[in-house]
Amino acid sequence: MGLLEPQHILLIVIALLLFFGGKKIPELMRGLGKGMKEFKDAQNGESSAPANTNTTAPGTEEKPRV
């Protein structure tokens, strides 16, 4: 008997759907992925500060879309 058989995975997925709902799960997975990436980067000693990649000339910024 394995630790995660298909029946166990199906039961976990159903429980998550019932507990969080279908709309919230993608947000949770996205947050989990970002957290794991940050953790791996911290282990490797990489900087988490984003590089400044602004290539537009001053005064020509576009307004954000709403």
N, C-alpha and C. Protein backbone atom coordinates (compact mmCIF):
# COMPACT_ATOMS: atom_id res chain seq x y z
N MET A 1 0.84 -1.17 0.00
CA MET A 1 0.00 0.00 0.00
C MET A 1 0.89 1.24 0.00
N GLY A 2 0.81 2.04 -1.04
CA GLY A 2 1.64 3.22 -1.16
C GLY A 2 1.12 4.38 -0.34
N LEU A 3 1.96 5.36 -0.19
CA LEU A 3 1.59 6.53 0.60
C LEU A 3 0.53 7.37 -0.10
N LEU A 4 0.70 7.60 -1.39
CA LEU A 4 -0.28 8.40 -2.13
C LEU A 4 -0.81 7.60 -3.31
N GLU A 5 -1.80 6.83 -3.06
CA GLU A 5 -2.46 6.08 -4.13
C GLU A 5 -3.46 7.00 -4.81
N PRO A 6 -3.94 6.65 -6.00
CA PRO A 6 -4.89 7.52 -6.71
C PRO A 6 -6.14 7.85 -5.89
N GLN A 7 -6.61 6.92 -5.08
CA GLN A 7 -7.79 7.18 -4.26
C GLN A 7 -7.50 8.26 -3.22
N HIS A 8 -6.29 8.24 -2.66
CA HIS A 8 -5.93 9.24 -1.66
C HIS A 8 -5.83 10.63 -2.30
N ILE A 9 -5.23 10.70 -3.46
CA ILE A 9 -5.10 11.98 -4.15
C ILE A 9 -6.48 12.54 -4.49
N LEU A 10 -7.37 11.69 -4.98
CA LEU A 10 -8.73 12.11 -5.31
C LEU A 10 -9.46 12.63 -4.07
N LEU A 11 -9.31 11.96 -2.96
CA LEU A 11 -9.94 12.38 -1.72
C LEU A 11 -9.40 13.73 -1.26
N ILE A 12 -8.10 13.95 -1.39
CA ILE A 12 -7.49 15.22 -1.01
C ILE A 12 -8.01 16.34 -1.91
N VAL A 13 -8.11 16.10 -3.21
CA VAL A 13 -8.59 17.12 -4.16
C VAL A 13 -10.04 17.48 -3.84
N ILE A 14 -10.87 16.49 -3.56
CA ILE A 14 -12.27 16.76 -3.23
C ILE A 14 -12.37 17.56 -1.95
N ALA A 15 -11.57 17.21 -0.95
CA ALA A 15 -11.59 17.95 0.31
C ALA A 15 -11.16 19.40 0.10
N LEU A 16 -10.13 19.63 -0.73
CA LEU A 16 -9.69 21.00 -1.00
C LEU A 16 -10.77 21.80 -1.71
N LEU A 17 -11.44 21.17 -2.69
CA LEU A 17 -12.52 21.86 -3.39
C LEU A 17 -13.66 22.23 -2.45
N LEU A 18 -14.01 21.33 -1.56
CA LEU A 18 -15.09 21.62 -0.62
C LEU A 18 -14.69 22.69 0.39
N PHE A 19 -13.45 22.66 0.81
CA PHE A 19 -13.00 23.58 1.84
C PHE A 19 -12.77 24.99 1.30
N PHE A 20 -12.08 25.12 0.15
CA PHE A 20 -11.71 26.42 -0.38
C PHE A 20 -12.60 26.91 -1.51
N GLY A 21 -13.20 26.03 -2.26
CA GLY A 21 -13.98 26.43 -3.42
C GLY A 21 -13.10 26.50 -4.65
N GLY A 22 -13.72 26.44 -5.81
CA GLY A 22 -12.98 26.37 -7.07
C GLY A 22 -12.26 27.65 -7.44
N LYS A 23 -12.73 28.80 -6.99
CA LYS A 23 -12.13 30.07 -7.39
C LYS A 23 -10.87 30.38 -6.58
N LYS A 24 -10.78 29.89 -5.38
CA LYS A 24 -9.68 30.24 -4.50
C LYS A 24 -8.45 29.36 -4.70
N ILE A 25 -8.62 28.18 -5.24
CA ILE A 25 -7.51 27.23 -5.37
C ILE A 25 -6.39 27.74 -6.28
N PRO A 26 -6.67 28.36 -7.45
CA PRO A 26 -5.56 28.88 -8.25
C PRO A 26 -4.73 29.93 -7.52
N GLU A 27 -5.39 30.78 -6.73
CA GLU A 27 -4.66 31.77 -5.94
C GLU A 27 -3.77 31.10 -4.92
N LEU A 28 -4.27 30.07 -4.26
CA LEU A 28 -3.48 29.37 -3.27
C LEU A 28 -2.27 28.69 -3.90
N MET A 29 -2.46 28.06 -5.05
CA MET A 29 -1.35 27.38 -5.73
C MET A 29 -0.31 28.38 -6.22
N ARG A 30 -0.78 29.54 -6.70
CA ARG A 30 0.14 30.58 -7.16
C ARG A 30 0.99 31.07 -5.98
N GLY A 31 0.35 31.31 -4.85
CA GLY A 31 1.07 31.75 -3.66
C GLY A 31 2.05 30.70 -3.17
N LEU A 32 1.64 29.44 -3.23
CA LEU A 32 2.52 28.35 -2.82
C LEU A 32 3.74 28.28 -3.73
N GLY A 33 3.52 28.43 -5.03
CA GLY A 33 4.63 28.40 -5.99
C GLY A 33 5.60 29.55 -5.78
N LYS A 34 5.08 30.75 -5.53
CA LYS A 34 5.94 31.90 -5.27
C LYS A 34 6.75 31.69 -4.00
N GLY A 35 6.10 31.16 -2.98
CA GLY A 35 6.80 30.90 -1.72
C GLY A 35 7.91 29.88 -1.89
N MET A 36 7.65 28.83 -2.65
CA MET A 36 8.67 27.81 -2.88
C MET A 36 9.84 28.39 -3.68
N LYS A 37 9.53 29.23 -4.66
CA LYS A 37 10.59 29.85 -5.47
C LYS A 37 11.46 30.76 -4.61
N GLU A 38 10.82 31.57 -3.76
CA GLU A 38 11.58 32.45 -2.88
C GLU A 38 12.44 31.65 -1.91
N PHE A 39 11.91 30.55 -1.41
CA PHE A 39 12.67 29.70 -0.50
C PHE A 39 13.90 29.11 -1.18
N LYS A 40 13.72 28.61 -2.41
CA LYS A 40 14.85 28.05 -3.16
C LYS A 40 15.88 29.12 -3.48
N ASP A 41 15.41 30.31 -3.86
CA ASP A 41 16.33 31.40 -4.15
C ASP A 41 17.13 31.79 -2.90
N ALA A 42 16.47 31.80 -1.75
CA ALA A 42 17.16 32.14 -0.51
C ALA A 42 18.19 31.07 -0.15
N GLN A 43 17.88 29.81 -0.43
CA GLN A 43 18.84 28.75 -0.16
C GLN A 43 20.07 28.87 -1.05
N ASN A 44 19.86 29.30 -2.29
CA ASN A 44 20.97 29.44 -3.22
C ASN A 44 21.71 30.75 -3.04
N GLY A 45 21.20 31.64 -2.21
CA GLY A 45 21.86 32.91 -1.95
C GLY A 45 21.59 33.96 -3.00
N GLU A 46 20.59 33.75 -3.83
CA GLU A 46 20.26 34.73 -4.85
C GLU A 46 19.47 35.87 -4.24
N SER A 47 19.62 37.05 -4.81
CA SER A 47 18.91 38.21 -4.32
C SER A 47 17.46 38.16 -4.78
N SER A 48 16.54 38.55 -3.90
CA SER A 48 15.13 38.57 -4.27
C SER A 48 14.69 39.94 -4.73
N ALA A 49 15.60 40.93 -4.73
CA ALA A 49 15.24 42.27 -5.19
C ALA A 49 15.12 42.27 -6.71
N PRO A 50 14.01 42.76 -7.24
CA PRO A 50 13.85 42.78 -8.69
C PRO A 50 14.78 43.80 -9.33
N ALA A 51 15.28 43.45 -10.50
CA ALA A 51 16.15 44.37 -11.23
C ALA A 51 15.32 45.47 -11.85
N ASN A 52 15.88 46.67 -11.97
CA ASN A 52 15.17 47.79 -12.57
C ASN A 52 15.28 47.64 -14.08
N THR A 53 14.18 47.29 -14.72
CA THR A 53 14.17 47.05 -16.16
C THR A 53 13.32 48.09 -16.88
N ASN A 54 13.26 49.30 -16.34
CA ASN A 54 12.47 50.37 -16.93
C ASN A 54 13.19 50.86 -18.19
N THR A 55 12.58 50.65 -19.37
CA THR A 55 13.21 51.03 -20.62
C THR A 55 12.53 52.22 -21.27
N THR A 56 11.52 52.80 -20.62
CA THR A 56 10.83 53.94 -21.20
C THR A 56 11.53 55.22 -20.79
N ALA A 57 11.45 56.21 -21.63
CA ALA A 57 12.04 57.50 -21.33
C ALA A 57 11.21 58.19 -20.25
N PRO A 58 11.84 59.04 -19.44
CA PRO A 58 11.09 59.73 -18.39
C PRO A 58 9.99 60.59 -19.00
N GLY A 59 8.83 60.54 -18.39
CA GLY A 59 7.70 61.33 -18.85
C GLY A 59 6.86 60.66 -19.91
N THR A 60 7.22 59.44 -20.34
CA THR A 60 6.46 58.74 -21.39
C THR A 60 5.80 57.48 -20.87
N GLU A 61 5.63 57.40 -19.54
CA GLU A 61 5.02 56.21 -18.97
C GLU A 61 3.56 56.11 -19.39
N GLU A 62 3.11 54.89 -19.59
CA GLU A 62 1.71 54.66 -19.93
C GLU A 62 0.90 54.56 -18.66
N LYS A 63 -0.35 54.97 -18.75
CA LYS A 63 -1.23 54.84 -17.60
C LYS A 63 -1.65 53.38 -17.49
N PRO A 64 -1.73 52.84 -16.25
CA PRO A 64 -2.15 51.44 -16.09
C PRO A 64 -3.59 51.24 -16.53
N ARG A 65 -3.84 50.10 -17.12
CA ARG A 65 -5.20 49.76 -17.54
C ARG A 65 -6.02 49.31 -16.36
N VAL A 66 -7.27 49.64 -16.37
CA VAL A 66 -8.15 49.27 -15.26
C VAL A 66 -9.10 48.19 -15.70
